[in-house]
Protein backbone atom coordinates (compact mmCIF):
# COMPACT_ATOMS: atom_id res chain seq x y z
CA MET A 1 8.81 -22.18 -9.12
CA THR A 2 7.19 -18.68 -8.22
CA THR A 3 3.96 -17.57 -9.85
CA PRO A 4 4.05 -13.91 -10.54
CA VAL A 5 0.17 -12.46 -9.14
CA LEU A 6 1.04 -8.97 -9.54
CA GLU A 7 3.33 -7.57 -12.60
CA ALA A 8 3.80 -3.73 -13.38
CA ARG A 9 6.00 -2.77 -15.86
CA ASP A 10 7.74 0.61 -16.63
CA VAL A 11 4.60 2.07 -14.78
CA THR A 12 5.03 6.07 -14.66
CA MET A 13 2.73 8.62 -13.49
CA ARG A 14 2.94 12.40 -14.25
CA PHE A 15 1.03 15.18 -12.93
CA GLY A 16 1.42 17.95 -15.27
CA GLY A 17 5.39 18.77 -15.29
CA LEU A 18 5.77 16.81 -12.28
CA THR A 19 6.59 12.58 -12.20
CA ALA A 20 5.42 11.00 -9.27
CA VAL A 21 6.34 7.43 -10.17
CA ARG A 22 9.02 6.95 -12.93
CA SER A 23 9.19 3.44 -14.88
CA VAL A 24 8.67 1.05 -11.78
CA ASP A 25 8.69 -2.65 -12.68
CA PHE A 26 7.48 -4.66 -9.97
CA THR A 27 6.44 -7.78 -9.15
CA VAL A 28 4.60 -9.79 -6.39
CA ASN A 29 4.53 -13.51 -6.54
CA ALA A 30 1.83 -16.27 -5.04
CA GLY A 31 2.39 -16.51 -1.34
CA GLU A 32 4.67 -13.47 -0.88
CA ILE A 33 4.34 -10.56 1.39
CA VAL A 34 6.03 -7.61 0.27
CA GLY A 35 7.23 -4.17 1.44
CA LEU A 36 7.06 -1.00 -0.34
CA ILE A 37 9.22 1.28 1.73
CA GLY A 38 10.63 4.90 1.33
CA PRO A 39 10.99 8.60 2.42
CA ASN A 40 7.74 11.02 2.48
CA GLY A 41 7.05 11.96 -0.73
CA ALA A 42 8.68 9.02 -2.39
CA GLY A 43 5.43 8.38 -4.69
CA LYS A 44 4.56 5.02 -2.82
CA THR A 45 0.84 5.93 -2.54
CA THR A 46 0.69 7.08 -6.02
CA PHE A 47 2.02 3.78 -7.30
CA PHE A 48 -0.61 1.90 -5.21
CA ASN A 49 -3.13 3.94 -6.65
CA CYS A 50 -1.82 3.00 -10.24
CA LEU A 51 -2.17 -0.70 -9.25
CA THR A 52 -5.46 -0.01 -7.99
CA GLY A 53 -6.85 1.82 -10.85
CA LEU A 54 -7.38 4.68 -9.31
CA TYR A 55 -4.95 6.23 -11.65
CA VAL A 56 -4.37 5.78 -15.02
CA PRO A 57 -0.59 5.37 -15.28
CA THR A 58 0.73 7.91 -18.08
CA GLU A 59 3.11 5.20 -19.26
CA GLY A 60 3.58 1.17 -18.53
CA THR A 61 0.83 -1.68 -17.57
CA VAL A 62 -0.27 -3.37 -14.65
CA SER A 63 -1.05 -7.19 -15.05
CA TYR A 64 -2.85 -9.51 -12.51
CA LYS A 65 -2.50 -13.18 -13.21
CA GLY A 66 -1.13 -12.46 -16.68
CA THR A 67 -4.23 -10.33 -17.81
CA VAL A 68 -3.61 -6.40 -18.09
CA LEU A 69 -5.88 -4.63 -15.79
CA PRO A 70 -8.48 -1.87 -17.15
CA PRO A 71 -7.69 1.41 -14.92
CA LYS A 72 -11.49 1.37 -13.10
CA PRO A 73 -11.09 0.32 -8.94
CA HIS A 74 -14.15 -1.74 -9.41
CA LEU A 75 -13.25 -3.96 -12.02
CA VAL A 76 -9.49 -4.33 -10.35
CA THR A 77 -11.72 -5.24 -7.26
CA GLN A 78 -13.28 -7.97 -9.41
CA ALA A 79 -10.43 -8.90 -10.82
CA GLY A 80 -9.05 -9.87 -7.60
CA ILE A 81 -6.97 -7.00 -6.01
CA ALA A 82 -8.36 -5.70 -3.00
CA ARG A 83 -6.62 -2.90 -0.66
CA THR A 84 -7.13 -0.48 2.58
CA PHE A 85 -6.18 3.08 2.51
CA GLN A 86 -4.01 5.07 4.81
CA ASN A 87 -6.98 6.96 6.02
CA ILE A 88 -9.38 4.49 7.41
CA ARG A 89 -12.53 4.24 5.14
CA LEU A 90 -15.39 2.73 6.79
CA PHE A 91 -18.85 3.16 6.90
CA ALA A 92 -18.78 5.09 10.15
CA ASN A 93 -22.87 4.64 10.87
CA MET A 94 -22.88 1.36 9.59
CA THR A 95 -22.66 -1.83 11.76
CA VAL A 96 -19.51 -4.13 11.72
CA LEU A 97 -21.21 -6.66 10.02
CA GLU A 98 -22.84 -4.32 7.65
CA ASN A 99 -19.10 -2.62 6.73
CA VAL A 100 -17.99 -6.36 5.78
CA LEU A 101 -21.21 -7.17 3.66
CA VAL A 102 -20.42 -3.93 1.62
CA GLY A 103 -17.19 -6.05 0.59
CA ARG A 104 -19.35 -8.70 -0.66
CA HIS A 105 -20.93 -6.95 -3.13
CA THR A 106 -18.39 -7.60 -6.15
CA ARG A 107 -18.88 -11.45 -5.44
CA THR A 108 -23.05 -11.54 -5.36
CA LYS A 109 -24.74 -12.29 -8.52
CA GLU A 110 -28.07 -11.20 -7.71
CA GLY A 111 -29.10 -7.98 -9.48
CA LEU A 112 -31.95 -5.59 -9.11
CA TRP A 113 -34.96 -7.28 -9.79
CA SER A 114 -33.53 -10.35 -7.43
CA ALA A 115 -33.05 -7.51 -4.77
CA LEU A 116 -36.54 -5.78 -5.30
CA LEU A 117 -38.71 -9.20 -5.54
CA ARG A 118 -36.59 -10.61 -2.69
CA GLY A 119 -37.29 -14.49 -4.10
CA PRO A 120 -35.66 -17.69 -3.05
CA GLY A 121 -32.18 -16.87 -4.95
CA PHE A 122 -31.85 -13.50 -3.17
CA LYS A 123 -32.20 -14.75 0.22
CA LYS A 124 -29.97 -17.58 -0.11
CA ALA A 125 -27.26 -15.36 -1.80
CA GLU A 126 -27.93 -13.04 1.48
CA ARG A 127 -27.59 -15.93 3.91
CA ALA A 128 -24.30 -16.99 2.23
CA SER A 129 -22.90 -13.29 2.13
CA GLU A 130 -23.76 -12.88 6.12
CA GLU A 131 -22.02 -16.58 7.14
CA ARG A 132 -19.11 -15.65 5.07
CA ALA A 133 -19.09 -11.80 6.29
CA MET A 134 -19.30 -13.73 10.35
CA GLU A 135 -16.31 -16.10 9.38
CA LEU A 136 -14.11 -13.21 8.26
CA LEU A 137 -15.48 -11.00 11.63
CA GLU A 138 -14.30 -14.64 13.47
CA PHE A 139 -10.75 -14.57 11.66
CA ILE A 140 -9.98 -11.00 12.63
CA GLY A 141 -11.45 -11.51 16.56
CA LEU A 142 -14.56 -9.08 15.97
CA ALA A 143 -17.48 -11.60 15.92
CA HIS A 144 -18.51 -10.41 18.98
CA LYS A 145 -18.80 -7.02 18.26
CA ARG A 146 -21.01 -7.66 14.62
CA ASP A 147 -23.89 -5.28 15.86
CA HIS A 148 -21.42 -2.19 17.00
CA LEU A 149 -21.50 0.74 14.81
CA ALA A 150 -17.98 1.04 12.75
CA ARG A 151 -17.49 4.45 14.57
CA ASN A 152 -17.33 3.12 18.05
CA LEU A 153 -14.88 0.61 17.85
CA PRO A 154 -10.79 1.78 18.93
CA TYR A 155 -8.95 2.60 16.57
CA GLY A 156 -6.92 -0.67 15.85
CA GLU A 157 -10.06 -2.55 15.67
CA GLN A 158 -11.30 -0.26 13.29
CA ARG A 159 -8.11 -0.93 11.01
CA LYS A 160 -8.76 -4.50 11.20
CA LEU A 161 -12.39 -4.05 10.48
CA GLU A 162 -11.23 -2.68 7.23
CA ILE A 163 -8.97 -5.39 6.32
CA ALA A 164 -12.16 -7.31 6.94
CA ARG A 165 -13.69 -5.64 4.52
CA ALA A 166 -10.75 -6.02 1.94
CA LEU A 167 -10.95 -9.99 2.44
CA ALA A 168 -14.88 -10.10 2.05
CA SER A 169 -14.07 -9.41 -1.85
CA GLU A 170 -12.18 -12.81 -1.91
CA PRO A 171 -8.88 -11.30 -3.25
CA GLY A 172 -5.83 -13.11 -4.41
CA LEU A 173 -3.76 -9.78 -3.75
CA LEU A 174 -4.24 -7.66 -0.76
CA LEU A 175 -2.82 -4.23 -0.86
CA LEU A 176 -2.30 -2.70 2.75
CA ASP A 177 -1.45 1.05 3.16
CA GLU A 178 0.32 2.00 6.40
CA PRO A 179 -1.78 -0.79 8.18
CA THR A 180 -0.04 0.11 11.69
CA ALA A 181 -0.17 4.02 11.22
CA GLY A 182 -1.01 5.39 14.67
CA MET A 183 -1.26 1.77 16.48
CA ASN A 184 0.60 1.25 19.61
CA PRO A 185 2.74 -1.61 19.77
CA GLN A 186 0.48 -4.54 20.87
CA GLU A 187 -1.73 -3.44 18.25
CA THR A 188 0.99 -3.53 15.71
CA ARG A 189 2.10 -7.16 16.87
CA ALA A 190 -1.56 -8.38 16.50
CA THR A 191 -1.61 -6.40 12.87
CA GLU A 192 1.54 -8.39 12.24
CA GLU A 193 0.29 -12.02 13.11
CA LEU A 194 -3.13 -11.01 11.36
CA VAL A 195 -1.08 -10.58 7.98
CA PHE A 196 0.96 -13.73 8.42
CA ALA A 197 -2.63 -15.40 8.68
CA ILE A 198 -3.77 -14.03 5.91
CA ARG A 199 -0.95 -15.32 4.00
CA ASP A 200 -1.26 -18.78 5.11
CA LYS A 201 -4.68 -18.54 3.70
CA GLY A 202 -2.81 -17.97 0.31
CA ILE A 203 -3.49 -14.38 -0.31
CA ALA A 204 -0.40 -12.13 -1.69
CA VAL A 205 0.58 -9.07 0.37
CA LEU A 206 1.82 -6.21 -0.60
CA LEU A 207 1.86 -3.35 2.06
CA ILE A 208 3.17 0.76 2.51
CA GLU A 209 4.56 1.01 5.83
CA HIS A 210 6.95 3.05 7.42
CA ASP A 211 7.54 0.98 10.87
CA MET A 212 11.06 -0.34 9.52
CA ARG A 213 10.95 -3.29 12.38
CA PHE A 214 7.15 -4.02 11.39
CA VAL A 215 8.26 -4.42 7.62
CA PHE A 216 11.62 -6.01 8.12
CA ASN A 217 10.21 -8.83 10.56
CA LEU A 218 7.20 -9.38 7.85
CA CYS A 219 8.23 -9.08 4.79
CA ASP A 220 9.84 -11.97 2.17
CA ARG A 221 11.14 -8.76 0.23
CA VAL A 222 11.24 -5.36 0.31
CA ALA A 223 11.79 -2.36 -2.73
CA VAL A 224 12.75 0.75 -2.06
CA LEU A 225 11.22 3.71 -4.02
CA VAL A 226 13.21 7.39 -3.81
CA GLN A 227 11.69 10.38 -5.40
CA GLY A 228 9.43 7.98 -7.54
CA GLU A 229 12.24 5.34 -8.47
CA LYS A 230 12.75 1.74 -7.44
CA LEU A 231 16.45 2.25 -5.73
CA VAL A 232 16.52 -1.50 -4.46
CA GLU A 233 14.87 -4.43 -4.00
CA GLY A 234 15.73 -7.59 -2.36
CA THR A 235 15.64 -9.32 1.41
CA SER A 236 15.18 -7.68 4.68
CA GLU A 237 18.76 -8.03 4.93
CA VAL A 238 19.97 -7.04 1.75
CA VAL A 239 17.98 -3.80 1.99
CA GLN A 240 18.83 -2.65 5.65
CA ALA A 241 22.89 -3.08 4.51
CA ASP A 242 22.41 -0.93 1.22
CA GLU A 243 24.08 2.63 1.92
CA ARG A 244 22.07 3.90 -0.77
CA VAL A 245 18.79 3.32 1.78
CA ILE A 246 20.27 4.71 5.05
CA ALA A 247 21.50 7.92 2.99
CA ALA A 248 17.65 8.36 1.36
CA TYR A 249 16.36 8.28 4.86
CA LEU A 250 18.97 10.53 6.15
CA GLY A 251 18.54 13.11 3.62
CA GLU A 252 22.01 12.59 2.11
CA PRO A 253 22.90 12.43 -1.66
CA PHE A 254 24.43 9.47 -3.00
CA GLU A 255 25.58 7.87 -6.14
CA GLY A 256 22.71 7.56 -8.74
CA ASP A 257 20.09 9.61 -6.89
CA PRO A 258 17.97 11.49 -9.11
CA GLY A 259 18.67 14.69 -7.26
CA GLU A 260 22.70 14.01 -6.89
CA ALA A 261 23.30 16.63 -9.54
CA GLU A 262 20.79 19.39 -8.32
CA ALA A 263 22.74 18.32 -4.85
CA ALA A 264 25.60 18.60 -6.19
CA GLU A 265 25.03 22.39 -7.66
CA VAL A 266 23.65 23.63 -4.65
CA GLU A 267 26.99 22.62 -2.96
CA ALA A 268 29.28 24.34 -5.34
CA ALA A 269 26.87 27.47 -5.02
CA GLU A 270 27.33 27.25 -1.33
CA ALA A 271 30.64 27.04 -1.53
CA ALA A 272 31.60 30.11 -3.97
CA ALA A 273 29.05 32.23 -1.84
CA GLU A 274 31.54 30.84 1.19
CA ALA A 275 34.73 31.64 -0.33
CA THR A 276 33.25 35.34 -1.81
CA SER A 277 32.22 35.96 1.56
CA THR A 278 35.79 35.14 3.08
CA THR A 279 37.96 37.08 0.80
CA SER A 280 35.51 40.32 1.15
CA SER A 281 35.96 39.76 5.12
CA THR A 282 39.80 39.55 4.45
CA LYS A 283 40.00 42.74 1.95
CA GLY A 284 38.10 44.45 4.90
CA GLU A 285 40.51 43.42 7.41
CA ALA A 286 43.65 44.52 5.38
CA LYS A 287 41.76 48.05 4.86
């Protein structure tokens, strides 16, 4: 039996007259690593933003463990969903340890007065948070750089640190937006191993990625978005063999493509224009 962690039902996101995501149904089960792929402009990051409360879907619902999520990022994080971003969003002038501690704020219960008075309860919570943060830094291999400024880390380590900060909120589901963007092959391999290790801790993972080898080696299931619609979903083998996926990445129209009619009209117009040009040329030669 599979237990759904995340359930998106009929999610649609419109910006004025543009529909970026259209009626997408999507599920992530406990213990799964699921990939979301598609050409540039397919609506992947928009869909991620709908899942994490950055956008309020025009239509549809997003649920975590059976409860509909409020459209506010901090409440989504509090519920148990954490994410990273395509563009790294670390606090550059804070240390590695401090960045991870920021991620702990949703799991600490000490309020304003406790922080101001710095009583025994606050100090105990502070020690517990630092211990947990150090465990996460050990997990990602950055414990020896706890006092380094985030801005001084190499690119690959900054990506790892952002994942550690997300894990500090104790999520049941981790969303990774292009976690290997800009990485060399060694860093990509290390990220793959890290994602497997995260799954082994009982955390489900949903990721957007353009590195197809990374996705197909890593994911239990892969879903493909094209022009805001879910085209196909299945195992890596099923998705790789689907001709519609190949056509989408090559930029060719395919049956069922939301842009098929428009492409057909363009082709017909081009053919008519070419025929007219040929006829005019033939008449000119006859004269």
